[in-house]
Amino acid sequence: MQYSKKMRKVTISIDEQTYCRARILAAERGTSLSALVRSYLQSLGSGDTEAHRARLRRVEGELRAQITRFRAADRLSRDELHDRNRPGR
């Protein structure tokens, strides 16, 4: 593989289990660990974040639609919230 850009080397530290899983994943995808990490890092700035935000907004909307009833009186009192009535305090 030839690169037209200057490539920078990066050193990372990961635990053995993560390293083994990543190597297996790279092998399953027919690529190197280096290429797998490069692809992931490139995806961080490629607009995936906007797609992720859109998914979050959609899920949030679905969850809000499931809330059929809400009353402020259903909440905990201030004392309950701060656990002030607990014995031994």
C-alpha atoms as a PDB file:
ATOM      1  CA  MET A   1       0.000   0.000   0.000  1.00  0.00           C
ATOM      2  CA  GLN A   2       1.461   3.355  -0.985  1.00  0.00           C
ATOM      3  CA  TYR A   3       0.605   6.602   0.741  1.00  0.00           C
ATOM      4  CA  SER A   4       0.704  10.024  -0.818  1.00  0.00           C
ATOM      5  CA  LYS A   5       0.727  11.656   2.602  1.00  0.00           C
ATOM      6  CA  LYS A   6       3.393  11.490   5.247  1.00  0.00           C
ATOM      7  CA  MET A   7       2.307   8.945   7.849  1.00  0.00           C
ATOM      8  CA  ARG A   8       2.889   9.538  11.553  1.00  0.00           C
ATOM      9  CA  LYS A   9       3.607   6.721  13.956  1.00  0.00           C
ATOM     10  CA  VAL A  10       1.633   6.630  17.184  1.00  0.00           C
ATOM     11  CA  THR A  11       2.300   4.467  20.213  1.00  0.00           C
ATOM     12  CA  ILE A  12      -0.624   3.384  22.359  1.00  0.00           C
ATOM     13  CA  SER A  13      -0.865   1.218  25.458  1.00  0.00           C
ATOM     14  CA  ILE A  14      -3.690  -1.282  25.809  1.00  0.00           C
ATOM     15  CA  ASP A  15      -4.245  -4.339  27.960  1.00  0.00           C
ATOM     16  CA  GLU A  16      -3.555  -7.825  26.594  1.00  0.00           C
ATOM     17  CA  GLN A  17      -7.228  -8.790  26.267  1.00  0.00           C
ATOM     18  CA  THR A  18      -8.067  -5.690  24.218  1.00  0.00           C
ATOM     19  CA  TYR A  19      -4.999  -6.266  22.037  1.00  0.00           C
ATOM     20  CA  CYS A  20      -6.005  -9.883  21.329  1.00  0.00           C
ATOM     21  CA  ARG A  21      -9.607  -8.957  20.500  1.00  0.00           C
ATOM     22  CA  ALA A  22      -8.440  -6.176  18.190  1.00  0.00           C
ATOM     23  CA  ARG A  23      -5.993  -8.511  16.400  1.00  0.00           C
ATOM     24  CA  ILE A  24      -8.746 -11.080  15.880  1.00  0.00           C
ATOM     25  CA  LEU A  25     -11.145  -8.414  14.590  1.00  0.00           C
ATOM     26  CA  ALA A  26      -8.517  -7.102  12.191  1.00  0.00           C
ATOM     27  CA  ALA A  27      -7.818 -10.636  10.930  1.00  0.00           C
ATOM     28  CA  GLU A  28     -11.542 -11.301  10.438  1.00  0.00           C
ATOM     29  CA  ARG A  29     -11.748  -8.127   8.366  1.00  0.00           C
ATOM     30  CA  GLY A  30      -8.655  -9.066   6.396  1.00  0.00           C
ATOM     31  CA  THR A  31      -6.683  -6.040   7.525  1.00  0.00           C
ATOM     32  CA  SER A  32      -3.929  -5.100   9.921  1.00  0.00           C
ATOM     33  CA  LEU A  33      -4.363  -3.767  13.417  1.00  0.00           C
ATOM     34  CA  SER A  34      -2.730  -0.550  12.288  1.00  0.00           C
ATOM     35  CA  ALA A  35      -5.222  -0.151   9.434  1.00  0.00           C
ATOM     36  CA  LEU A  36      -8.117  -0.945  11.773  1.00  0.00           C
ATOM     37  CA  VAL A  37      -7.054   1.781  14.239  1.00  0.00           C
ATOM     38  CA  ARG A  38      -6.415   4.226  11.372  1.00  0.00           C
ATOM     39  CA  SER A  39      -9.886   3.585   9.961  1.00  0.00           C
ATOM     40  CA  TYR A  40     -11.471   4.137  13.363  1.00  0.00           C
ATOM     41  CA  LEU A  41      -9.609   7.388  13.960  1.00  0.00           C
ATOM     42  CA  GLN A  42     -10.507   8.657  10.494  1.00  0.00           C
ATOM     43  CA  SER A  43     -14.181   7.879  11.143  1.00  0.00           C
ATOM     44  CA  LEU A  44     -14.157  10.157  14.187  1.00  0.00           C
ATOM     45  CA  GLY A  45     -13.920  13.236  12.003  1.00  0.00           C
ATOM     46  CA  SER A  46     -15.871  12.063   8.996  1.00  0.00           C
ATOM     47  CA  GLY A  47     -19.353  13.157   9.995  1.00  0.00           C
ATOM     48  CA  ASP A  48     -20.154   9.995  11.938  1.00  0.00           C
ATOM     49  CA  THR A  49     -20.710  12.198  14.951  1.00  0.00           C
ATOM     50  CA  GLU A  50     -23.616  13.968  13.243  1.00  0.00           C
ATOM     51  CA  ALA A  51     -25.177  10.621  12.345  1.00  0.00           C
ATOM     52  CA  HIS A  52     -24.710   9.528  15.948  1.00  0.00           C
ATOM     53  CA  ARG A  53     -26.400  12.692  17.228  1.00  0.00           C
ATOM     54  CA  ALA A  54     -29.301  12.126  14.839  1.00  0.00           C
ATOM     55  CA  ARG A  55     -29.731   8.576  16.177  1.00  0.00           C
ATOM     56  CA  LEU A  56     -29.668   9.892  19.739  1.00  0.00           C
ATOM     57  CA  ARG A  57     -32.330  12.487  18.928  1.00  0.00           C
ATOM     58  CA  ARG A  58     -34.507   9.803  17.338  1.00  0.00           C
ATOM     59  CA  VAL A  59     -34.159   7.484  20.344  1.00  0.00           C
ATOM     60  CA  GLU A  60     -34.836  10.372  22.728  1.00  0.00           C
ATOM     61  CA  GLY A  61     -38.015  11.188  20.820  1.00  0.00           C
ATOM     62  CA  GLU A  62     -39.122   7.559  20.981  1.00  0.00           C
ATOM     63  CA  LEU A  63     -38.504   7.446  24.730  1.00  0.00           C
ATOM     64  CA  ARG A  64     -40.397  10.691  25.296  1.00  0.00           C
ATOM     65  CA  ALA A  65     -43.335   9.271  23.343  1.00  0.00           C
ATOM     66  CA  GLN A  66     -43.464   6.343  25.764  1.00  0.00           C
ATOM     67  CA  ILE A  67     -43.999   8.654  28.756  1.00  0.00           C
ATOM     68  CA  THR A  68     -47.744   8.781  29.093  1.00  0.00           C
ATOM     69  CA  ARG A  69     -48.093  10.468  32.480  1.00  0.00           C
ATOM     70  CA  PHE A  70     -45.848  12.646  34.587  1.00  0.00           C
ATOM     71  CA  ARG A  71     -46.687  14.556  37.740  1.00  0.00           C
ATOM     72  CA  ALA A  72     -44.261  16.617  39.786  1.00  0.00           C
ATOM     73  CA  ALA A  73     -45.939  15.250  42.926  1.00  0.00           C
ATOM     74  CA  ASP A  74     -44.670  11.780  41.980  1.00  0.00           C
ATOM     75  CA  ARG A  75     -41.120  12.905  42.702  1.00  0.00           C
ATOM     76  CA  LEU A  76     -39.267  12.441  45.969  1.00  0.00           C
ATOM     77  CA  SER A  77     -39.489  15.074  48.662  1.00  0.00           C
ATOM     78  CA  ARG A  78     -36.360  17.077  49.384  1.00  0.00           C
ATOM     79  CA  ASP A  79     -35.728  15.075  52.566  1.00  0.00           C
ATOM     80  CA  GLU A  80     -36.165  11.801  50.688  1.00  0.00           C
ATOM     81  CA  LEU A  81     -33.902  12.996  47.931  1.00  0.00           C
ATOM     82  CA  HIS A  82     -31.120  13.789  50.364  1.00  0.00           C
ATOM     83  CA  ASP A  83     -31.902  10.714  52.456  1.00  0.00           C
ATOM     84  CA  ARG A  84     -32.315  12.866  55.584  1.00  0.00           C
ATOM     85  CA  ASN A  85     -34.811  10.597  57.289  1.00  0.00           C
ATOM     86  CA  ARG A  86     -32.524   7.579  57.310  1.00  0.00           C
ATOM     87  CA  PRO A  87     -31.858   6.192  60.818  1.00  0.00           C
ATOM     88  CA  GLY A  88     -28.313   6.623  62.074  1.00  0.00           C
ATOM     89  CA  ARG A  89     -27.685   9.955  60.411  1.00  0.00           C
END
